[in-house]
Amino acid sequence: MSLFSDNIRSLRLHKKISQEKLAESLLITRGRYVKYEDGTSEAPYEILKKIAHYYHISIDLLLSVDVRKIPMDNLLQLENNRLVLPITVDTNGENFIEVVTQKVKAGYLNGYADPEYIESLQHISLPFLGPGKYRGFPIEGDSMPPHEDGSIIIGRYIEKLGDVKDGRTYILITKSEGMVYKRLNKNKTNALVVASDNNFYPAYEVKVSDILEIWEYECNIGRNDSKQENPETANVVNMFLELKREIGELKGRTP
């Protein structure tokens, strides 16, 4: 039997329904469904979608994660049944904040939907944050001052793309770029225009279809206690950085 077969059998037993009743809900015969559950036949995409919608979990979860190892109450349901976000809780039922450290950052794209991977992350608790699902992400470089390289941004999970707001900052998990922290400059129909607070870095578009997760900034954990720059000084620095970037572009155009 395959993992998929084990999963749909486990889910059916958990829901306490018969094979016949489930088959009726899927608009197929019981004999056809039995073949999927015993692993003698592979379910086509249309049936996979129906089963996923029936149990309100993602196809990815059905095919790649052993649901028998997951407390079903520890899954956060997202819109349109597109993903199930694994969460971790303490002994009092309070949500932990999983922290994606720099060391394990590279594996997040492969493990963001895997409950076992999420469980393996370091956990912290920040009671003042209030309701919501939070996660910590490391940032790199100097594109988002005053946050420095190595700081941890605590983000609140955004379930619906329509909830993002211009002017706010977000951690974006994307297929092409991985993990980025930027300010939303413009919310377009099929793309988000994002920008760095450091004007040296130009704004760019991120296609909605490329986005896996969005986390809105809530707070940061950093080690820098230096005095904030005078705004006028910061403007002069940004002016020189912009000039440096323009010179670099001109050199690149020189034949």
C-alpha atoms as a PDB file:
ATOM      1  CA  MET A   1       0.000   0.000   0.000  1.00  0.00           C
ATOM      2  CA  SER A   2       1.104   3.575  -0.713  1.00  0.00           C
ATOM      3  CA  LEU A   3       1.229   6.496   1.696  1.00  0.00           C
ATOM      4  CA  PHE A   4      -1.803   7.930  -0.098  1.00  0.00           C
ATOM      5  CA  SER A   5      -3.733   4.677   0.435  1.00  0.00           C
ATOM      6  CA  ASP A   6      -2.812   4.593   4.116  1.00  0.00           C
ATOM      7  CA  ASN A   7      -3.847   8.237   4.472  1.00  0.00           C
ATOM      8  CA  ILE A   8      -7.301   7.956   2.917  1.00  0.00           C
ATOM      9  CA  ARG A   9      -8.021   4.816   4.920  1.00  0.00           C
ATOM     10  CA  SER A  10      -6.920   6.503   8.141  1.00  0.00           C
ATOM     11  CA  LEU A  11      -8.973   9.618   7.392  1.00  0.00           C
ATOM     12  CA  ARG A  12     -12.065   7.574   6.578  1.00  0.00           C
ATOM     13  CA  LEU A  13     -11.796   5.575   9.810  1.00  0.00           C
ATOM     14  CA  HIS A  14     -11.169   8.769  11.773  1.00  0.00           C
ATOM     15  CA  LYS A  15     -14.344  10.234  10.293  1.00  0.00           C
ATOM     16  CA  LYS A  16     -16.193   6.936  10.961  1.00  0.00           C
ATOM     17  CA  ILE A  17     -17.758   6.592   7.538  1.00  0.00           C
ATOM     18  CA  SER A  18     -18.120   3.576   5.282  1.00  0.00           C
ATOM     19  CA  GLN A  19     -16.391   3.070   1.946  1.00  0.00           C
ATOM     20  CA  GLU A  20     -19.794   3.086   0.252  1.00  0.00           C
ATOM     21  CA  LYS A  21     -20.825   6.428   1.726  1.00  0.00           C
ATOM     22  CA  LEU A  22     -17.491   8.008   0.820  1.00  0.00           C
ATOM     23  CA  ALA A  23     -17.695   6.648  -2.729  1.00  0.00           C
ATOM     24  CA  GLU A  24     -21.166   8.199  -3.084  1.00  0.00           C
ATOM     25  CA  SER A  25     -19.793  11.566  -1.991  1.00  0.00           C
ATOM     26  CA  LEU A  26     -17.045  11.265  -4.610  1.00  0.00           C
ATOM     27  CA  LEU A  27     -19.609  10.261  -7.276  1.00  0.00           C
ATOM     28  CA  ILE A  28     -17.840   6.969  -7.995  1.00  0.00           C
ATOM     29  CA  THR A  29     -18.609   3.315  -7.280  1.00  0.00           C
ATOM     30  CA  ARG A  30     -17.499   1.626  -4.081  1.00  0.00           C
ATOM     31  CA  GLY A  31     -15.467  -0.883  -6.123  1.00  0.00           C
ATOM     32  CA  ARG A  32     -13.506   1.925  -7.748  1.00  0.00           C
ATOM     33  CA  TYR A  33     -12.844   3.618  -4.410  1.00  0.00           C
ATOM     34  CA  VAL A  34     -11.667   0.375  -2.766  1.00  0.00           C
ATOM     35  CA  LYS A  35      -8.885   0.132  -5.364  1.00  0.00           C
ATOM     36  CA  TYR A  36      -7.527   3.533  -4.239  1.00  0.00           C
ATOM     37  CA  GLU A  37      -7.653   2.555  -0.582  1.00  0.00           C
ATOM     38  CA  ASP A  38      -5.959  -0.818  -1.020  1.00  0.00           C
ATOM     39  CA  GLY A  39      -3.349   0.622  -3.397  1.00  0.00           C
ATOM     40  CA  THR A  40      -4.165  -1.453  -6.478  1.00  0.00           C
ATOM     41  CA  SER A  41      -5.067   1.633  -8.523  1.00  0.00           C
ATOM     42  CA  GLU A  42      -3.871   5.250  -8.556  1.00  0.00           C
ATOM     43  CA  ALA A  43      -6.437   8.013  -8.169  1.00  0.00           C
ATOM     44  CA  PRO A  44      -6.559  10.533 -11.053  1.00  0.00           C
ATOM     45  CA  TYR A  45      -6.199  14.233 -10.361  1.00  0.00           C
ATOM     46  CA  GLU A  46      -9.945  14.936 -10.350  1.00  0.00           C
ATOM     47  CA  ILE A  47     -10.497  12.287  -7.664  1.00  0.00           C
ATOM     48  CA  LEU A  48      -7.537  13.584  -5.652  1.00  0.00           C
ATOM     49  CA  LYS A  49      -9.169  17.030  -5.638  1.00  0.00           C
ATOM     50  CA  LYS A  50     -12.510  15.604  -4.519  1.00  0.00           C
ATOM     51  CA  ILE A  51     -10.940  13.594  -1.688  1.00  0.00           C
ATOM     52  CA  ALA A  52      -8.894  16.605  -0.551  1.00  0.00           C
ATOM     53  CA  HIS A  53     -11.980  18.820  -0.490  1.00  0.00           C
ATOM     54  CA  TYR A  54     -13.994  16.153   1.294  1.00  0.00           C
ATOM     55  CA  TYR A  55     -11.516  16.013   4.179  1.00  0.00           C
ATOM     56  CA  HIS A  56     -10.617  19.728   3.959  1.00  0.00           C
ATOM     57  CA  ILE A  57      -6.885  19.092   3.630  1.00  0.00           C
ATOM     58  CA  SER A  58      -4.399  19.639   0.828  1.00  0.00           C
ATOM     59  CA  ILE A  59      -3.465  17.214  -1.934  1.00  0.00           C
ATOM     60  CA  ASP A  60       0.179  17.751  -0.974  1.00  0.00           C
ATOM     61  CA  LEU A  61      -0.566  16.492   2.526  1.00  0.00           C
ATOM     62  CA  LEU A  62      -2.450  13.455   1.213  1.00  0.00           C
ATOM     63  CA  LEU A  63       0.460  12.421  -1.007  1.00  0.00           C
ATOM     64  CA  SER A  64       3.538  13.273   1.052  1.00  0.00           C
ATOM     65  CA  VAL A  65       2.792  13.248   4.804  1.00  0.00           C
ATOM     66  CA  ASP A  66       1.694  10.374   7.044  1.00  0.00           C
ATOM     67  CA  VAL A  67      -1.484  11.859   8.532  1.00  0.00           C
ATOM     68  CA  ARG A  68      -1.566   9.129  11.179  1.00  0.00           C
ATOM     69  CA  LYS A  69       1.335  10.911  12.897  1.00  0.00           C
ATOM     70  CA  ILE A  70      -0.451  14.270  12.995  1.00  0.00           C
ATOM     71  CA  PRO A  71      -2.968  15.396  15.626  1.00  0.00           C
ATOM     72  CA  MET A  72      -5.640  16.706  13.256  1.00  0.00           C
ATOM     73  CA  ASP A  73      -6.497  19.521  15.672  1.00  0.00           C
ATOM     74  CA  ASN A  74      -2.979  20.900  15.140  1.00  0.00           C
ATOM     75  CA  LEU A  75      -3.594  21.844  11.524  1.00  0.00           C
ATOM     76  CA  LEU A  76      -4.579  25.357  10.514  1.00  0.00           C
ATOM     77  CA  GLN A  77      -7.074  25.336   7.645  1.00  0.00           C
ATOM     78  CA  LEU A  78      -6.402  27.868   4.899  1.00  0.00           C
ATOM     79  CA  GLU A  79      -8.665  29.351   2.254  1.00  0.00           C
ATOM     80  CA  ASN A  80      -9.760  27.385  -0.817  1.00  0.00           C
ATOM     81  CA  ASN A  81      -8.285  24.195   0.637  1.00  0.00           C
ATOM     82  CA  ARG A  82      -4.955  25.098  -0.963  1.00  0.00           C
ATOM     83  CA  LEU A  83      -2.749  24.184   1.988  1.00  0.00           C
ATOM     84  CA  VAL A  84      -2.786  22.940   5.539  1.00  0.00           C
ATOM     85  CA  LEU A  85      -0.374  24.773   7.828  1.00  0.00           C
ATOM     86  CA  PRO A  86       1.042  22.626  10.645  1.00  0.00           C
ATOM     87  CA  ILE A  87       1.222  24.345  14.034  1.00  0.00           C
ATOM     88  CA  THR A  88       2.737  23.324  17.369  1.00  0.00           C
ATOM     89  CA  VAL A  89       1.286  23.905  20.820  1.00  0.00           C
ATOM     90  CA  ASP A  90       2.554  23.648  24.397  1.00  0.00           C
ATOM     91  CA  THR A  91       1.030  21.575  27.202  1.00  0.00           C
ATOM     92  CA  ASN A  92      -1.522  24.330  27.882  1.00  0.00           C
ATOM     93  CA  GLY A  93      -2.675  24.388  24.280  1.00  0.00           C
ATOM     94  CA  GLU A  94      -0.979  27.727  23.525  1.00  0.00           C
ATOM     95  CA  ASN A  95       0.618  28.159  20.102  1.00  0.00           C
ATOM     96  CA  PHE A  96       4.402  28.044  20.008  1.00  0.00           C
ATOM     97  CA  ILE A  97       6.298  30.341  17.678  1.00  0.00           C
ATOM     98  CA  GLU A  98       8.525  28.225  15.461  1.00  0.00           C
ATOM     99  CA  VAL A  99      11.807  29.939  14.623  1.00  0.00           C
ATOM    100  CA  VAL A 100      13.449  29.268  11.271  1.00  0.00           C
ATOM    101  CA  THR A 101      17.095  29.776  12.151  1.00  0.00           C
ATOM    102  CA  GLN A 102      19.766  30.686   9.608  1.00  0.00           C
ATOM    103  CA  LYS A 103      21.079  27.133   9.870  1.00  0.00           C
ATOM    104  CA  VAL A 104      17.833  25.510   8.682  1.00  0.00           C
ATOM    105  CA  LYS A 105      16.606  28.346   6.436  1.00  0.00           C
ATOM    106  CA  ALA A 106      17.601  26.571   3.227  1.00  0.00           C
ATOM    107  CA  GLY A 107      15.323  23.626   4.026  1.00  0.00           C
ATOM    108  CA  TYR A 108      12.199  25.698   4.679  1.00  0.00           C
ATOM    109  CA  LEU A 109      10.977  25.674   1.071  1.00  0.00           C
ATOM    110  CA  ASN A 110      10.842  21.881   1.153  1.00  0.00           C
ATOM    111  CA  GLY A 111       9.577  21.583   4.711  1.00  0.00           C
ATOM    112  CA  TYR A 112       7.106  24.452   5.190  1.00  0.00           C
ATOM    113  CA  ALA A 113       4.106  22.093   4.780  1.00  0.00           C
ATOM    114  CA  ASP A 114       5.680  19.106   6.557  1.00  0.00           C
ATOM    115  CA  PRO A 115       4.518  18.800  10.192  1.00  0.00           C
ATOM    116  CA  GLU A 116       7.606  16.772  11.141  1.00  0.00           C
ATOM    117  CA  TYR A 117       9.902  19.506   9.818  1.00  0.00           C
ATOM    118  CA  ILE A 118       7.935  22.232  11.609  1.00  0.00           C
ATOM    119  CA  GLU A 119       8.054  20.215  14.829  1.00  0.00           C
ATOM    120  CA  SER A 120      11.861  20.016  14.537  1.00  0.00           C
ATOM    121  CA  LEU A 121      12.270  23.816  14.561  1.00  0.00           C
ATOM    122  CA  GLN A 122      13.211  25.737  17.682  1.00  0.00           C
ATOM    123  CA  HIS A 123      10.246  27.159  19.609  1.00  0.00           C
ATOM    124  CA  ILE A 124       9.676  30.313  21.620  1.00  0.00           C
ATOM    125  CA  SER A 125       6.654  31.931  23.251  1.00  0.00           C
ATOM    126  CA  LEU A 126       5.725  35.635  23.180  1.00  0.00           C
ATOM    127  CA  PRO A 127       2.420  35.983  25.063  1.00  0.00           C
ATOM    128  CA  PHE A 128       1.991  39.690  24.258  1.00  0.00           C
ATOM    129  CA  LEU A 129       1.358  38.986  20.556  1.00  0.00           C
ATOM    130  CA  GLY A 130      -2.242  37.898  21.040  1.00  0.00           C
ATOM    131  CA  PRO A 131      -4.332  35.688  18.700  1.00  0.00           C
ATOM    132  CA  GLY A 132      -2.934  34.495  15.389  1.00  0.00           C
ATOM    133  CA  LYS A 133      -0.337  32.079  14.034  1.00  0.00           C
ATOM    134  CA  TYR A 134       3.228  33.390  14.292  1.00  0.00           C
ATOM    135  CA  ARG A 135       6.617  32.248  13.021  1.00  0.00           C
ATOM    136  CA  GLY A 136      10.135  33.691  13.202  1.00  0.00           C
ATOM    137  CA  PHE A 137      12.377  34.177  10.158  1.00  0.00           C
ATOM    138  CA  PRO A 138      16.009  35.341   9.858  1.00  0.00           C
ATOM    139  CA  ILE A 139      16.832  38.265   7.592  1.00  0.00           C
ATOM    140  CA  GLU A 140      20.001  38.948   5.649  1.00  0.00           C
ATOM    141  CA  GLY A 141      21.741  42.028   4.353  1.00  0.00           C
ATOM    142  CA  ASP A 142      21.009  45.738   4.735  1.00  0.00           C
ATOM    143  CA  SER A 143      17.913  46.164   2.593  1.00  0.00           C
ATOM    144  CA  MET A 144      15.455  46.733   5.458  1.00  0.00           C
ATOM    145  CA  PRO A 145      16.932  49.120   8.053  1.00  0.00           C
ATOM    146  CA  PRO A 146      16.878  49.403  11.019  1.00  0.00           C
ATOM    147  CA  HIS A 147      16.673  45.577  11.003  1.00  0.00           C
ATOM    148  CA  GLU A 148      20.186  44.192  10.670  1.00  0.00           C
ATOM    149  CA  ASP A 149      21.638  41.071   9.182  1.00  0.00           C
ATOM    150  CA  GLY A 150      20.903  38.171  11.530  1.00  0.00           C
ATOM    151  CA  SER A 151      17.809  39.685  13.145  1.00  0.00           C
ATOM    152  CA  ILE A 152      14.693  37.542  13.518  1.00  0.00           C
ATOM    153  CA  ILE A 153      11.413  38.908  12.196  1.00  0.00           C
ATOM    154  CA  ILE A 154       8.299  37.539  13.900  1.00  0.00           C
ATOM    155  CA  GLY A 155       5.472  37.387  11.386  1.00  0.00           C
ATOM    156  CA  ARG A 156       1.745  36.686  11.686  1.00  0.00           C
ATOM    157  CA  TYR A 157       0.408  34.300   9.078  1.00  0.00           C
ATOM    158  CA  ILE A 158      -1.823  35.920   6.441  1.00  0.00           C
ATOM    159  CA  GLU A 159      -4.497  33.487   5.289  1.00  0.00           C
ATOM    160  CA  LYS A 160      -5.964  35.593   2.458  1.00  0.00           C
ATOM    161  CA  LEU A 161      -4.030  37.565  -0.119  1.00  0.00           C
ATOM    162  CA  GLY A 162      -6.686  40.268   0.086  1.00  0.00           C
ATOM    163  CA  ASP A 163      -5.627  40.973   3.681  1.00  0.00           C
ATOM    164  CA  VAL A 164      -2.211  42.365   2.720  1.00  0.00           C
ATOM    165  CA  LYS A 165      -1.948  46.161   2.869  1.00  0.00           C
ATOM    166  CA  ASP A 166       0.178  48.685   1.026  1.00  0.00           C
ATOM    167  CA  GLY A 167       2.873  50.189   3.220  1.00  0.00           C
ATOM    168  CA  ARG A 168       3.162  47.209   5.585  1.00  0.00           C
ATOM    169  CA  THR A 169       6.167  44.860   5.658  1.00  0.00           C
ATOM    170  CA  TYR A 170       5.939  41.126   5.013  1.00  0.00           C
ATOM    171  CA  ILE A 171       7.998  37.981   4.921  1.00  0.00           C
ATOM    172  CA  LEU A 172       7.260  36.373   1.548  1.00  0.00           C
ATOM    173  CA  ILE A 173       7.982  32.705   0.935  1.00  0.00           C
ATOM    174  CA  THR A 174       8.256  32.295  -2.840  1.00  0.00           C
ATOM    175  CA  LYS A 175       9.109  29.464  -5.199  1.00  0.00           C
ATOM    176  CA  SER A 176      11.737  31.458  -7.104  1.00  0.00           C
ATOM    177  CA  GLU A 177      13.441  33.600  -4.431  1.00  0.00           C
ATOM    178  CA  GLY A 178      12.810  31.623  -1.281  1.00  0.00           C
ATOM    179  CA  MET A 179      12.467  33.846   1.781  1.00  0.00           C
ATOM    180  CA  VAL A 180      12.423  37.658   1.439  1.00  0.00           C
ATOM    181  CA  TYR A 181      11.441  40.491   3.776  1.00  0.00           C
ATOM    182  CA  LYS A 182      10.083  43.565   1.981  1.00  0.00           C
ATOM    183  CA  ARG A 183       7.616  46.425   2.213  1.00  0.00           C
ATOM    184  CA  LEU A 184       4.500  46.141   0.073  1.00  0.00           C
ATOM    185  CA  ASN A 185       4.594  49.059  -2.327  1.00  0.00           C
ATOM    186  CA  LYS A 186       1.513  48.226  -4.371  1.00  0.00           C
ATOM    187  CA  ASN A 187      -1.092  45.471  -4.312  1.00  0.00           C
ATOM    188  CA  LYS A 188      -1.897  44.584  -7.930  1.00  0.00           C
ATOM    189  CA  THR A 189      -4.358  42.031  -9.323  1.00  0.00           C
ATOM    190  CA  ASN A 190      -1.904  39.253 -10.170  1.00  0.00           C
ATOM    191  CA  ALA A 191       1.267  40.530  -8.517  1.00  0.00           C
ATOM    192  CA  LEU A 192       2.634  42.383  -5.521  1.00  0.00           C
ATOM    193  CA  VAL A 193       5.104  45.228  -5.967  1.00  0.00           C
ATOM    194  CA  VAL A 194       7.601  45.042  -3.112  1.00  0.00           C
ATOM    195  CA  ALA A 195      10.393  47.396  -2.131  1.00  0.00           C
ATOM    196  CA  SER A 196      13.307  47.654   0.274  1.00  0.00           C
ATOM    197  CA  ASP A 197      13.434  50.482   2.809  1.00  0.00           C
ATOM    198  CA  ASN A 198      17.024  50.984   1.675  1.00  0.00           C
ATOM    199  CA  ASN A 199      16.573  52.995  -1.549  1.00  0.00           C
ATOM    200  CA  PHE A 200      19.732  51.491  -2.998  1.00  0.00           C
ATOM    201  CA  TYR A 201      17.686  48.398  -3.895  1.00  0.00           C
ATOM    202  CA  PRO A 202      15.029  48.862  -6.611  1.00  0.00           C
ATOM    203  CA  ALA A 203      11.409  47.726  -6.205  1.00  0.00           C
ATOM    204  CA  TYR A 204      10.215  44.700  -8.146  1.00  0.00           C
ATOM    205  CA  GLU A 205       7.121  42.567  -8.770  1.00  0.00           C
ATOM    206  CA  VAL A 206       6.341  39.188  -7.235  1.00  0.00           C
ATOM    207  CA  LYS A 207       3.745  37.130  -9.092  1.00  0.00           C
ATOM    208  CA  VAL A 208       0.892  35.874  -6.927  1.00  0.00           C
ATOM    209  CA  SER A 209       1.313  32.403  -8.443  1.00  0.00           C
ATOM    210  CA  ASP A 210       4.911  32.359  -7.117  1.00  0.00           C
ATOM    211  CA  ILE A 211       3.897  32.996  -3.484  1.00  0.00           C
ATOM    212  CA  LEU A 212       3.719  30.056  -1.065  1.00  0.00           C
ATOM    213  CA  GLU A 213       3.236  31.911   2.223  1.00  0.00           C
ATOM    214  CA  ILE A 214       2.881  35.492   3.497  1.00  0.00           C
ATOM    215  CA  TRP A 215       3.701  36.571   7.069  1.00  0.00           C
ATOM    216  CA  GLU A 216       2.988  40.133   8.227  1.00  0.00           C
ATOM    217  CA  TYR A 217       5.541  41.846  10.470  1.00  0.00           C
ATOM    218  CA  GLU A 218       4.627  41.892  14.160  1.00  0.00           C
ATOM    219  CA  CYS A 219       7.925  42.404  15.964  1.00  0.00           C
ATOM    220  CA  ASN A 220      11.620  41.679  15.661  1.00  0.00           C
ATOM    221  CA  ILE A 221      14.329  40.110  17.783  1.00  0.00           C
ATOM    222  CA  GLY A 222      17.705  41.765  17.314  1.00  0.00           C
ATOM    223  CA  ARG A 223      20.919  42.512  19.190  1.00  0.00           C
ATOM    224  CA  ASN A 224      21.647  46.033  17.959  1.00  0.00           C
ATOM    225  CA  ASP A 225      21.279  48.843  20.528  1.00  0.00           C
ATOM    226  CA  SER A 226      23.105  51.559  18.592  1.00  0.00           C
ATOM    227  CA  LYS A 227      21.662  55.060  18.362  1.00  0.00           C
ATOM    228  CA  GLN A 228      19.352  55.615  15.426  1.00  0.00           C
ATOM    229  CA  GLU A 229      20.775  57.723  12.625  1.00  0.00           C
ATOM    230  CA  ASN A 230      19.697  61.319  12.184  1.00  0.00           C
ATOM    231  CA  PRO A 231      17.101  61.370   9.350  1.00  0.00           C
ATOM    232  CA  GLU A 232      19.116  63.975   7.432  1.00  0.00           C
ATOM    233  CA  THR A 233      22.241  61.816   7.668  1.00  0.00           C
ATOM    234  CA  ALA A 234      20.287  58.790   6.472  1.00  0.00           C
ATOM    235  CA  ASN A 235      19.012  60.786   3.483  1.00  0.00           C
ATOM    236  CA  VAL A 236      22.549  61.762   2.490  1.00  0.00           C
ATOM    237  CA  VAL A 237      23.705  58.148   2.773  1.00  0.00           C
ATOM    238  CA  ASN A 238      20.776  56.991   0.642  1.00  0.00           C
ATOM    239  CA  MET A 239      21.569  59.690  -1.925  1.00  0.00           C
ATOM    240  CA  PHE A 240      25.136  58.422  -2.301  1.00  0.00           C
ATOM    241  CA  LEU A 241      23.941  54.811  -2.482  1.00  0.00           C
ATOM    242  CA  GLU A 242      21.494  55.747  -5.222  1.00  0.00           C
ATOM    243  CA  LEU A 243      24.246  57.589  -7.078  1.00  0.00           C
ATOM    244  CA  LYS A 244      26.490  54.528  -6.736  1.00  0.00           C
ATOM    245  CA  ARG A 245      23.764  52.318  -8.179  1.00  0.00           C
ATOM    246  CA  GLU A 246      23.172  54.653 -11.133  1.00  0.00           C
ATOM    247  CA  ILE A 247      26.921  54.776 -11.900  1.00  0.00           C
ATOM    248  CA  GLY A 248      26.995  50.971 -11.827  1.00  0.00           C
ATOM    249  CA  GLU A 249      24.116  50.840 -14.295  1.00  0.00           C
ATOM    250  CA  LEU A 250      25.856  53.321 -16.621  1.00  0.00           C
ATOM    251  CA  LYS A 251      29.053  51.256 -16.547  1.00  0.00           C
ATOM    252  CA  GLY A 252      27.024  48.194 -17.470  1.00  0.00           C
ATOM    253  CA  ARG A 253      25.678  49.967 -20.539  1.00  0.00           C
ATOM    254  CA  THR A 254      29.125  51.055 -21.725  1.00  0.00           C
ATOM    255  CA  PRO A 255      30.121  49.060 -24.859  1.00  0.00           C
END
